[in-house]
C-alpha atoms as a PDB file:
ATOM      1  CA  MET A   1     -12.184 -15.732 -18.888  1.00  0.00           C
ATOM      2  CA  ALA A   2     -10.316 -18.807 -18.235  1.00  0.00           C
ATOM      3  CA  GLU A   3     -12.691 -22.128 -17.678  1.00  0.00           C
ATOM      4  CA  LEU A   4     -13.734 -22.749 -13.980  1.00  0.00           C
ATOM      5  CA  PRO A   5     -12.343 -26.252 -12.861  1.00  0.00           C
ATOM      6  CA  PHE A   6     -15.723 -27.080 -12.327  1.00  0.00           C
ATOM      7  CA  SER A   7     -19.103 -27.557 -12.894  1.00  0.00           C
ATOM      8  CA  VAL A   8     -22.722 -26.933 -11.307  1.00  0.00           C
ATOM      9  CA  SER A   9     -25.607 -28.123 -12.430  1.00  0.00           C
ATOM     10  CA  ASN A  10     -29.087 -29.771 -11.656  1.00  0.00           C
ATOM     11  CA  VAL A  11     -29.775 -32.927 -12.320  1.00  0.00           C
ATOM     12  CA  SER A  12     -32.975 -35.524 -10.715  1.00  0.00           C
ATOM     13  CA  HIS A  13     -32.334 -38.772  -9.559  1.00  0.00           C
ATOM     14  CA  ARG A  14     -35.886 -41.048  -9.045  1.00  0.00           C
ATOM     15  CA  ALA A  15     -36.141 -41.318  -5.554  1.00  0.00           C
ATOM     16  CA  LEU A  16     -34.168 -38.160  -3.501  1.00  0.00           C
ATOM     17  CA  GLY A  17     -35.279 -35.664  -6.526  1.00  0.00           C
ATOM     18  CA  LYS A  18     -33.908 -32.531  -7.414  1.00  0.00           C
ATOM     19  CA  LEU A  19     -29.568 -33.131  -7.207  1.00  0.00           C
ATOM     20  CA  ILE A  20     -26.957 -30.800  -7.674  1.00  0.00           C
ATOM     21  CA  GLN A  21     -24.126 -32.710  -9.178  1.00  0.00           C
ATOM     22  CA  LEU A  22     -20.562 -30.665  -8.822  1.00  0.00           C
ATOM     23  CA  GLN A  23     -18.212 -32.126 -11.395  1.00  0.00           C
ATOM     24  CA  PHE A  24     -13.849 -31.192 -10.362  1.00  0.00           C
ATOM     25  CA  GLY A  25     -12.536 -32.385 -13.679  1.00  0.00           C
ATOM     26  CA  PRO A  26     -12.957 -35.590 -15.701  1.00  0.00           C
ATOM     27  CA  ASP A  27     -12.594 -38.356 -12.537  1.00  0.00           C
ATOM     28  CA  PHE A  28     -14.571 -36.669  -9.654  1.00  0.00           C
ATOM     29  CA  THR A  29     -18.047 -35.853  -9.380  1.00  0.00           C
ATOM     30  CA  LEU A  30     -20.838 -35.459  -6.253  1.00  0.00           C
ATOM     31  CA  ARG A  31     -23.956 -35.308  -6.004  1.00  0.00           C
ATOM     32  CA  LEU A  32     -25.600 -33.382  -3.610  1.00  0.00           C
ATOM     33  CA  LYS A  33     -29.444 -32.132  -2.118  1.00  0.00           C
ATOM     34  CA  PRO A  34     -30.072 -28.806  -2.324  1.00  0.00           C
ATOM     35  CA  ALA A  35     -29.282 -28.828   1.464  1.00  0.00           C
ATOM     36  CA  GLU A  36     -26.186 -30.191   1.581  1.00  0.00           C
ATOM     37  CA  ALA A  37     -25.270 -27.661  -1.368  1.00  0.00           C
ATOM     38  CA  SER A  38     -26.119 -24.510   0.502  1.00  0.00           C
ATOM     39  CA  SER A  39     -24.143 -26.202   3.459  1.00  0.00           C
ATOM     40  CA  LEU A  40     -21.190 -26.083   1.417  1.00  0.00           C
ATOM     41  CA  SER A  41     -21.641 -22.870  -0.021  1.00  0.00           C
ATOM     42  CA  PHE A  42     -21.956 -21.379   3.098  1.00  0.00           C
ATOM     43  CA  ALA A  43     -18.777 -23.103   4.745  1.00  0.00           C
ATOM     44  CA  PHE A  44     -16.735 -21.558   1.613  1.00  0.00           C
ATOM     45  CA  VAL A  45     -17.899 -18.274   2.508  1.00  0.00           C
ATOM     46  CA  ALA A  46     -17.073 -18.501   6.033  1.00  0.00           C
ATOM     47  CA  VAL A  47     -13.868 -19.720   5.512  1.00  0.00           C
ATOM     48  CA  ARG A  48     -12.882 -17.118   2.820  1.00  0.00           C
ATOM     49  CA  ASP A  49     -14.184 -14.445   5.279  1.00  0.00           C
ATOM     50  CA  GLY A  50     -12.271 -15.719   8.380  1.00  0.00           C
ATOM     51  CA  ILE A  51     -15.964 -16.141   9.854  1.00  0.00           C
ATOM     52  CA  SER A  52     -14.921 -19.916  10.243  1.00  0.00           C
ATOM     53  CA  PRO A  53     -11.187 -20.901  11.491  1.00  0.00           C
ATOM     54  CA  GLU A  54     -11.443 -24.151   9.585  1.00  0.00           C
ATOM     55  CA  ARG A  55      -8.776 -25.565   8.434  1.00  0.00           C
ATOM     56  CA  GLU A  56     -10.720 -28.544   6.602  1.00  0.00           C
ATOM     57  CA  ILE A  57     -14.602 -29.188   5.340  1.00  0.00           C
ATOM     58  CA  TYR A  58     -15.217 -32.151   5.229  1.00  0.00           C
ATOM     59  CA  MET A  59     -18.763 -33.532   3.701  1.00  0.00           C
ATOM     60  CA  SER A  60     -20.375 -36.996   3.134  1.00  0.00           C
ATOM     61  CA  PRO A  61     -22.932 -36.208   0.276  1.00  0.00           C
ATOM     62  CA  LEU A  62     -26.535 -38.808   1.136  1.00  0.00           C
ATOM     63  CA  ALA A  63     -26.710 -39.679  -2.988  1.00  0.00           C
ATOM     64  CA  SER A  64     -22.613 -39.864  -3.535  1.00  0.00           C
ATOM     65  CA  ASP A  65     -20.853 -42.533  -3.036  1.00  0.00           C
ATOM     66  CA  ALA A  66     -17.722 -40.295  -3.071  1.00  0.00           C
ATOM     67  CA  SER A  67     -16.766 -37.926  -0.087  1.00  0.00           C
ATOM     68  CA  PHE A  68     -16.081 -34.191  -0.146  1.00  0.00           C
ATOM     69  CA  THR A  69     -12.388 -32.938   1.403  1.00  0.00           C
ATOM     70  CA  GLY A  70     -11.371 -29.373   0.900  1.00  0.00           C
ATOM     71  CA  LEU A  71      -8.044 -27.933   2.732  1.00  0.00           C
ATOM     72  CA  VAL A  72      -8.228 -24.399   3.004  1.00  0.00           C
ATOM     73  CA  ASP A  73      -4.841 -22.073   3.309  1.00  0.00           C
ATOM     74  CA  GLU A  74      -4.246 -18.571   3.136  1.00  0.00           C
ATOM     75  CA  ASP A  75      -3.882 -18.582  -0.563  1.00  0.00           C
ATOM     76  CA  GLY A  76      -7.411 -20.284  -0.769  1.00  0.00           C
ATOM     77  CA  ILE A  77      -9.546 -24.036  -0.987  1.00  0.00           C
ATOM     78  CA  THR A  78      -7.404 -27.556  -2.406  1.00  0.00           C
ATOM     79  CA  ILE A  79     -10.012 -30.156  -3.306  1.00  0.00           C
ATOM     80  CA  LEU A  80      -9.363 -33.647  -3.030  1.00  0.00           C
ATOM     81  CA  THR A  81      -9.756 -35.652  -6.043  1.00  0.00           C
ATOM     82  CA  PRO A  82      -8.771 -39.217  -6.974  1.00  0.00           C
ATOM     83  CA  SER A  83      -5.891 -37.532  -9.515  1.00  0.00           C
ATOM     84  CA  GLY A  84      -4.443 -35.450  -7.129  1.00  0.00           C
ATOM     85  CA  PRO A  85      -5.119 -32.024  -5.308  1.00  0.00           C
ATOM     86  CA  LEU A  86      -6.926 -29.942  -7.077  1.00  0.00           C
ATOM     87  CA  PRO A  87      -6.464 -25.829  -5.995  1.00  0.00           C
ATOM     88  CA  LEU A  88      -9.219 -23.078  -6.047  1.00  0.00           C
ATOM     89  CA  ASP A  89      -7.780 -19.844  -5.795  1.00  0.00           C
ATOM     90  CA  TRP A  90     -10.488 -17.159  -3.533  1.00  0.00           C
ATOM     91  CA  PRO A  91     -12.000 -15.705  -7.059  1.00  0.00           C
ATOM     92  CA  GLN A  92     -12.782 -19.932  -7.536  1.00  0.00           C
ATOM     93  CA  VAL A  93     -14.184 -20.640  -4.478  1.00  0.00           C
ATOM     94  CA  THR A  94     -16.145 -17.734  -4.486  1.00  0.00           C
ATOM     95  CA  MET A  95     -17.783 -18.341  -8.368  1.00  0.00           C
ATOM     96  CA  LEU A  96     -17.537 -22.122  -6.837  1.00  0.00           C
ATOM     97  CA  ALA A  97     -20.304 -21.160  -3.615  1.00  0.00           C
ATOM     98  CA  SER A  98     -21.927 -18.263  -5.519  1.00  0.00           C
ATOM     99  CA  THR A  99     -23.130 -20.906  -9.085  1.00  0.00           C
ATOM    100  CA  LEU A 100     -23.764 -23.856  -5.590  1.00  0.00           C
ATOM    101  CA  ALA A 101     -26.046 -21.216  -4.102  1.00  0.00           C
ATOM    102  CA  ALA A 102     -28.013 -19.859  -7.702  1.00  0.00           C
ATOM    103  CA  VAL A 103     -28.835 -23.572  -8.407  1.00  0.00           C
ATOM    104  CA  ILE A 104     -30.214 -24.527  -5.226  1.00  0.00           C
END
């Protein structure tokens, strides 16, 4: 199996408590509160399954300096990162949604 272009891990913040760290490549890291990670996971599933007609997923996580933007098309979701667009196909989106849901 090919290496996934993202990683998800639990981290702790002394004031905010449990956070989920979402890393896309070497230069784009987001830290999400559990509720934010849950919302993002649900959004991925909703656009994947055609439940939501949204073509863009945007989030400005409380514990991150960066924001998340994902552009939805028929092939998957393209994550906008500082080093350029990172396309995720639907199986990768499904894995990301499942991984986020599992660490909450």
